[in-house]
Amino acid sequence: MKTTDYAQALHKEIDQTPTEHLAALLNIVHTFRESVSLKSPLASVEKGLQEALTGEGEDISTLWDGIDVD
């Protein structure tokens, strides 16, 4: 399926959605888009390094605090 076909299918579904549910649909689409958007690995490493250098990160000794094992 081409990108334009997906867009048309999405528009058709949106047009068929009752108005009172559009806000919820927007929230679903927004949450989905954010969940599949990956940050660059370099940005993640830079952030982790910055947190380590400034002491912002969590101490590894507290990693399992609050997790109960039966």
N, C-alpha and C. Protein backbone atom coordinates (compact mmCIF):
# COMPACT_ATOMS: atom_id res chain seq x y z
N MET A 1 0.85 -1.18 0.00
CA MET A 1 0.00 0.00 0.00
C MET A 1 0.90 1.24 0.00
N LYS A 2 0.57 2.21 -0.83
CA LYS A 2 1.34 3.45 -0.90
C LYS A 2 0.96 4.38 0.25
N THR A 3 1.86 5.30 0.54
CA THR A 3 1.63 6.27 1.62
C THR A 3 0.32 7.02 1.41
N THR A 4 0.05 7.41 0.18
CA THR A 4 -1.19 8.15 -0.08
C THR A 4 -2.42 7.28 0.19
N ASP A 5 -2.31 5.97 -0.08
CA ASP A 5 -3.42 5.06 0.21
C ASP A 5 -3.67 4.98 1.72
N TYR A 6 -2.60 4.92 2.50
CA TYR A 6 -2.75 4.89 3.96
C TYR A 6 -3.40 6.19 4.44
N ALA A 7 -2.93 7.30 3.91
CA ALA A 7 -3.49 8.59 4.31
C ALA A 7 -4.97 8.67 3.97
N GLN A 8 -5.34 8.20 2.80
CA GLN A 8 -6.74 8.21 2.40
C GLN A 8 -7.58 7.31 3.30
N ALA A 9 -7.05 6.14 3.63
CA ALA A 9 -7.76 5.21 4.51
C ALA A 9 -7.93 5.82 5.90
N LEU A 10 -6.89 6.49 6.39
CA LEU A 10 -6.99 7.15 7.70
C LEU A 10 -8.03 8.26 7.68
N HIS A 11 -8.02 9.06 6.62
CA HIS A 11 -9.01 10.14 6.50
C HIS A 11 -10.43 9.58 6.47
N LYS A 12 -10.61 8.46 5.78
CA LYS A 12 -11.94 7.84 5.71
C LYS A 12 -12.39 7.40 7.11
N GLU A 13 -11.48 6.78 7.86
CA GLU A 13 -11.81 6.35 9.23
C GLU A 13 -12.12 7.55 10.12
N ILE A 14 -11.34 8.62 9.98
CA ILE A 14 -11.58 9.83 10.77
C ILE A 14 -12.94 10.41 10.43
N ASP A 15 -13.25 10.47 9.15
CA ASP A 15 -14.55 11.02 8.72
C ASP A 15 -15.72 10.21 9.27
N GLN A 16 -15.51 8.93 9.51
CA GLN A 16 -16.57 8.07 10.02
C GLN A 16 -16.64 8.04 11.55
N THR A 17 -15.69 8.70 12.20
CA THR A 17 -15.65 8.73 13.66
C THR A 17 -16.59 9.81 14.19
N PRO A 18 -17.46 9.45 15.13
CA PRO A 18 -18.35 10.47 15.70
C PRO A 18 -17.56 11.62 16.31
N THR A 19 -18.07 12.81 16.15
CA THR A 19 -17.39 14.02 16.62
C THR A 19 -16.99 13.94 18.09
N GLU A 20 -17.86 13.37 18.91
CA GLU A 20 -17.55 13.32 20.34
C GLU A 20 -16.36 12.41 20.66
N HIS A 21 -15.90 11.61 19.69
CA HIS A 21 -14.76 10.71 19.93
C HIS A 21 -13.47 11.19 19.26
N LEU A 22 -13.52 12.33 18.58
CA LEU A 22 -12.35 12.81 17.86
C LEU A 22 -11.19 13.16 18.80
N ALA A 23 -11.47 13.73 19.96
CA ALA A 23 -10.39 14.07 20.89
C ALA A 23 -9.67 12.81 21.35
N ALA A 24 -10.42 11.75 21.64
CA ALA A 24 -9.80 10.49 22.06
C ALA A 24 -8.98 9.89 20.92
N LEU A 25 -9.50 9.97 19.69
CA LEU A 25 -8.77 9.45 18.54
C LEU A 25 -7.47 10.21 18.33
N LEU A 26 -7.53 11.52 18.48
CA LEU A 26 -6.32 12.33 18.35
C LEU A 26 -5.29 11.93 19.40
N ASN A 27 -5.74 11.70 20.62
CA ASN A 27 -4.84 11.29 21.69
C ASN A 27 -4.20 9.94 21.36
N ILE A 28 -4.97 9.01 20.83
CA ILE A 28 -4.45 7.69 20.47
C ILE A 28 -3.38 7.82 19.39
N VAL A 29 -3.68 8.59 18.35
CA VAL A 29 -2.74 8.76 17.25
C VAL A 29 -1.46 9.44 17.73
N HIS A 30 -1.61 10.48 18.54
CA HIS A 30 -0.45 11.19 19.06
C HIS A 30 0.42 10.28 19.92
N THR A 31 -0.20 9.52 20.82
CA THR A 31 0.54 8.60 21.69
C THR A 31 1.25 7.53 20.86
N PHE A 32 0.56 7.00 19.86
CA PHE A 32 1.17 6.01 18.98
C PHE A 32 2.39 6.58 18.28
N ARG A 33 2.24 7.77 17.70
CA ARG A 33 3.34 8.39 16.97
C ARG A 33 4.56 8.60 17.86
N GLU A 34 4.31 9.08 19.08
CA GLU A 34 5.42 9.28 20.01
C GLU A 34 6.08 7.97 20.40
N SER A 35 5.30 6.91 20.53
CA SER A 35 5.87 5.63 20.97
C SER A 35 6.72 4.97 19.90
N VAL A 36 6.47 5.27 18.65
CA VAL A 36 7.26 4.66 17.58
C VAL A 36 8.38 5.56 17.08
N SER A 37 8.44 6.79 17.56
CA SER A 37 9.50 7.71 17.19
C SER A 37 10.71 7.43 18.06
N LEU A 38 11.78 6.99 17.45
CA LEU A 38 12.98 6.67 18.20
C LEU A 38 13.92 7.87 18.24
N LYS A 39 14.47 8.11 19.40
CA LYS A 39 15.47 9.16 19.52
C LYS A 39 16.80 8.60 19.00
N SER A 40 17.66 9.48 18.57
CA SER A 40 18.93 9.02 18.04
C SER A 40 19.76 8.38 19.16
N PRO A 41 20.47 7.30 18.84
CA PRO A 41 21.30 6.66 19.86
C PRO A 41 22.34 7.62 20.42
N LEU A 42 22.87 8.48 19.58
CA LEU A 42 23.87 9.45 20.03
C LEU A 42 23.27 10.39 21.08
N ALA A 43 22.05 10.85 20.85
CA ALA A 43 21.39 11.74 21.81
C ALA A 43 21.18 11.02 23.14
N SER A 44 20.82 9.74 23.10
CA SER A 44 20.61 8.97 24.33
C SER A 44 21.92 8.80 25.11
N VAL A 45 22.99 8.51 24.39
CA VAL A 45 24.30 8.36 25.04
C VAL A 45 24.76 9.69 25.62
N GLU A 46 24.58 10.77 24.88
CA GLU A 46 24.96 12.10 25.37
C GLU A 46 24.17 12.46 26.62
N LYS A 47 22.88 12.17 26.64
CA LYS A 47 22.05 12.47 27.80
C LYS A 47 22.51 11.66 29.01
N GLY A 48 22.79 10.37 28.80
CA GLY A 48 23.26 9.52 29.88
C GLY A 48 24.61 9.99 30.43
N LEU A 49 25.48 10.38 29.54
CA LEU A 49 26.79 10.88 29.97
C LEU A 49 26.63 12.18 30.75
N GLN A 50 25.80 13.07 30.27
CA GLN A 50 25.55 14.33 30.96
C GLN A 50 24.99 14.09 32.35
N GLU A 51 24.02 13.16 32.47
CA GLU A 51 23.44 12.83 33.77
C GLU A 51 24.50 12.25 34.71
N ALA A 52 25.36 11.41 34.18
CA ALA A 52 26.42 10.81 35.01
C ALA A 52 27.40 11.88 35.49
N LEU A 53 27.76 12.80 34.60
CA LEU A 53 28.73 13.83 34.96
C LEU A 53 28.17 14.84 35.96
N THR A 54 26.87 15.08 35.90
CA THR A 54 26.27 16.07 36.80
C THR A 54 25.66 15.44 38.04
N GLY A 55 25.73 14.10 38.14
CA GLY A 55 25.17 13.42 39.30
C GLY A 55 23.65 13.32 39.27
N GLU A 56 23.05 13.55 38.12
CA GLU A 56 21.59 13.49 38.00
C GLU A 56 21.05 12.07 37.95
N GLY A 57 21.88 11.13 37.54
CA GLY A 57 21.42 9.75 37.38
C GLY A 57 21.14 9.10 38.73
N GLU A 58 20.44 7.98 38.67
CA GLU A 58 20.14 7.22 39.87
C GLU A 58 21.33 6.34 40.23
N ASP A 59 21.58 6.19 41.52
CA ASP A 59 22.64 5.30 42.00
C ASP A 59 22.22 3.87 41.72
N ILE A 60 23.13 3.09 41.16
CA ILE A 60 22.79 1.72 40.79
C ILE A 60 22.37 0.87 41.99
N SER A 61 22.83 1.24 43.16
CA SER A 61 22.46 0.47 44.35
C SER A 61 20.98 0.59 44.69
N THR A 62 20.31 1.60 44.10
CA THR A 62 18.88 1.78 44.36
C THR A 62 18.00 1.21 43.25
N LEU A 63 18.65 0.56 42.29
CA LEU A 63 17.95 0.09 41.11
C LEU A 63 16.74 -0.79 41.44
N TRP A 64 16.88 -1.68 42.41
CA TRP A 64 15.81 -2.63 42.72
C TRP A 64 15.00 -2.23 43.94
N ASP A 65 15.24 -1.05 44.47
CA ASP A 65 14.46 -0.60 45.64
C ASP A 65 12.98 -0.55 45.29
N GLY A 66 12.17 -1.06 46.21
CA GLY A 66 10.73 -1.00 46.01
C GLY A 66 10.15 -2.14 45.21
N ILE A 67 11.02 -3.03 44.71
CA ILE A 67 10.51 -4.18 43.97
C ILE A 67 10.47 -5.37 44.92
N ASP A 68 9.28 -5.85 45.16
CA ASP A 68 9.10 -6.97 46.08
C ASP A 68 9.13 -8.28 45.30
N VAL A 69 9.90 -9.22 45.82
CA VAL A 69 9.96 -10.54 45.21
C VAL A 69 9.38 -11.53 46.22
N ASP A 70 8.40 -12.29 45.77
CA ASP A 70 7.79 -13.29 46.65
C ASP A 70 8.53 -14.60 46.58
